[in-house]
Amino acid sequence: MRRLPVWNKLRDYFPAKLVKTTELDPSKNYLFGYHPHGILSIGCSLNFGTEATNISKVFPGVKINFLTLKSNFILPIFRDYIMSLGGCSVTRESMNYILSKPGGGNGAIVVVGGAKEGTLRERSYFHNTRFARRES
């Protein structure tokens, strides 16, 4: 499902691009934030739920799950579609499950924002968001 040719067509249409800025150690687990939200978070789904941007080659050894609203898992067929792309519910339990797996190599990505940000079209709204690194 993650390698279907339709994802390449969508990647080219929108266009979606994955830009690597650092190496990820596959022995660690990661929590990422994705912004801007956009409608249906197409960019997040294409970059991290499919192989349209070669995520498994860009970050070898790290399996990234994108997290979405629990309500997206109500409809059975839509639920199966999301799960086949690595989608999980954005709950504490899901994050703990993904990020506490021993051996590392797991990532969870949260699309920050909501309905207001998802439909915002003002160019002045877009800006760089930086997350502080938390030392463990």
Protein backbone atom coordinates (compact mmCIF):
# COMPACT_ATOMS: atom_id res chain seq x y z
CA MET A 1 0.00 0.00 0.00
CA ARG A 2 2.83 2.42 0.86
CA ARG A 3 4.47 1.94 -2.55
CA LEU A 4 1.45 2.40 -4.84
CA PRO A 5 2.16 4.53 -7.95
CA VAL A 6 -0.74 6.85 -7.08
CA TRP A 7 1.34 8.33 -4.24
CA ASN A 8 3.97 9.50 -6.74
CA LYS A 9 1.27 11.22 -8.79
CA LEU A 10 -0.02 13.00 -5.67
CA ARG A 11 3.52 13.95 -4.64
CA ASP A 12 4.08 15.57 -8.03
CA TYR A 13 0.67 17.26 -8.11
CA PHE A 14 0.87 19.07 -4.75
CA PRO A 15 4.12 18.99 -4.80
CA ALA A 16 5.33 17.31 -1.61
CA LYS A 17 9.01 17.26 -0.77
CA LEU A 18 10.98 15.75 2.10
CA VAL A 19 14.03 17.76 3.15
CA LYS A 20 16.56 15.99 5.36
CA THR A 21 18.39 18.34 7.71
CA THR A 22 20.04 15.85 10.07
CA GLU A 23 20.88 12.20 10.51
CA LEU A 24 18.70 10.09 12.80
CA ASP A 25 20.25 7.43 14.99
CA PRO A 26 18.23 4.22 14.39
CA SER A 27 18.95 3.08 17.95
CA LYS A 28 16.77 5.90 19.35
CA ASN A 29 13.06 6.73 19.26
CA TYR A 30 11.81 10.11 18.06
CA LEU A 31 8.83 12.44 18.47
CA PHE A 32 8.32 14.92 15.62
CA GLY A 33 6.00 17.86 15.04
CA TYR A 34 4.66 18.60 11.53
CA HIS A 35 3.51 22.06 10.47
CA PRO A 36 1.62 23.56 8.65
CA HIS A 37 -1.47 21.45 9.07
CA GLY A 38 -3.09 21.79 5.65
CA ILE A 39 -6.28 20.08 4.55
CA LEU A 40 -6.22 16.37 5.47
CA SER A 41 -2.48 16.72 6.18
CA ILE A 42 -1.64 15.48 2.69
CA GLY A 43 2.02 16.50 2.98
CA CYS A 44 2.47 14.54 6.19
CA SER A 45 0.70 11.50 4.78
CA LEU A 46 2.73 11.52 1.56
CA ASN A 47 6.08 12.08 3.26
CA PHE A 48 5.71 9.75 6.22
CA GLY A 49 2.92 7.33 5.32
CA THR A 50 4.08 6.38 1.84
CA GLU A 51 7.30 5.83 -0.05
CA ALA A 52 6.57 8.73 -2.45
CA THR A 53 9.55 10.65 -1.05
CA ASN A 54 11.63 7.55 -0.18
CA ILE A 55 11.34 7.95 3.59
CA SER A 56 12.83 4.51 4.27
CA LYS A 57 15.95 5.43 2.26
CA VAL A 58 16.22 8.96 3.64
CA PHE A 59 16.03 7.72 7.25
CA PRO A 60 17.03 4.04 7.13
CA GLY A 61 16.21 2.01 10.20
CA VAL A 62 13.59 4.45 11.51
CA LYS A 63 9.89 3.58 11.12
CA ILE A 64 7.77 6.71 11.46
CA ASN A 65 4.07 6.55 12.35
CA PHE A 66 1.91 9.62 11.76
CA LEU A 67 -0.67 10.32 14.44
CA THR A 68 -4.16 11.54 13.63
CA LEU A 69 -7.46 12.21 15.39
CA LYS A 70 -9.15 9.28 17.09
CA SER A 71 -12.35 10.12 15.18
CA ASN A 72 -10.60 9.17 11.91
CA PHE A 73 -10.73 5.53 13.03
CA ILE A 74 -14.53 5.31 13.30
CA LEU A 75 -15.26 4.35 9.67
CA PRO A 76 -13.95 0.80 9.09
CA ILE A 77 -12.60 1.18 5.54
CA PHE A 78 -11.06 4.59 6.22
CA ARG A 79 -9.56 3.21 9.45
CA ASP A 80 -7.91 0.35 7.55
CA TYR A 81 -6.59 2.77 4.93
CA ILE A 82 -4.98 4.99 7.60
CA MET A 83 -3.54 2.03 9.48
CA SER A 84 -2.05 0.55 6.29
CA LEU A 85 -0.03 3.76 5.91
CA GLY A 86 1.25 3.63 9.49
CA GLY A 87 -1.33 5.95 11.00
CA CYS A 88 -2.18 5.74 14.69
CA SER A 89 -4.49 7.61 17.02
CA VAL A 90 -2.93 10.72 18.55
CA THR A 91 -3.39 9.58 22.13
CA ARG A 92 -1.03 9.20 25.06
CA GLU A 93 -1.34 5.42 24.80
CA SER A 94 -0.34 5.38 21.11
CA MET A 95 2.63 7.66 21.70
CA ASN A 96 3.79 5.60 24.67
CA TYR A 97 3.45 2.39 22.66
CA ILE A 98 5.48 3.74 19.72
CA LEU A 99 8.13 5.58 21.71
CA SER A 100 8.72 2.98 24.41
CA LYS A 101 9.57 0.10 22.07
CA PRO A 102 12.99 -1.24 23.04
CA GLY A 103 15.83 -1.07 20.55
CA GLY A 104 14.80 2.24 19.02
CA GLY A 105 14.17 2.93 15.37
CA ASN A 106 10.64 4.26 15.94
CA GLY A 107 9.15 7.69 15.43
CA ALA A 108 5.82 9.36 16.02
CA ILE A 109 4.85 12.48 14.11
CA VAL A 110 2.12 14.80 15.37
CA VAL A 111 0.49 17.28 13.03
CA VAL A 112 0.18 20.38 15.20
CA GLY A 113 -2.69 22.76 14.71
CA GLY A 114 -6.33 22.13 14.02
CA ALA A 115 -9.29 23.07 11.85
CA LYS A 116 -8.48 26.79 11.81
CA GLU A 117 -4.87 26.18 10.74
CA GLY A 118 -5.94 23.47 8.31
CA THR A 119 -7.90 25.89 6.16
CA LEU A 120 -5.76 29.00 6.62
CA ARG A 121 -4.56 30.41 3.31
CA GLU A 122 -2.87 33.63 4.41
CA ARG A 123 0.77 33.66 3.35
CA SER A 124 1.77 35.81 6.33
CA TYR A 125 0.75 32.99 8.70
CA PHE A 126 3.48 30.62 7.60
CA HIS A 127 6.64 30.76 9.64
CA ASN A 128 9.38 28.52 10.93
CA THR A 129 8.60 26.57 14.07
CA ARG A 130 11.46 25.33 16.19
CA PHE A 131 11.14 22.74 18.93
CA ALA A 132 13.59 22.74 21.81
CA ARG A 133 15.63 19.60 22.26
CA ARG A 134 14.84 17.85 25.50
CA GLU A 135 17.72 16.16 27.27
CA SER A 136 16.85 12.86 28.97
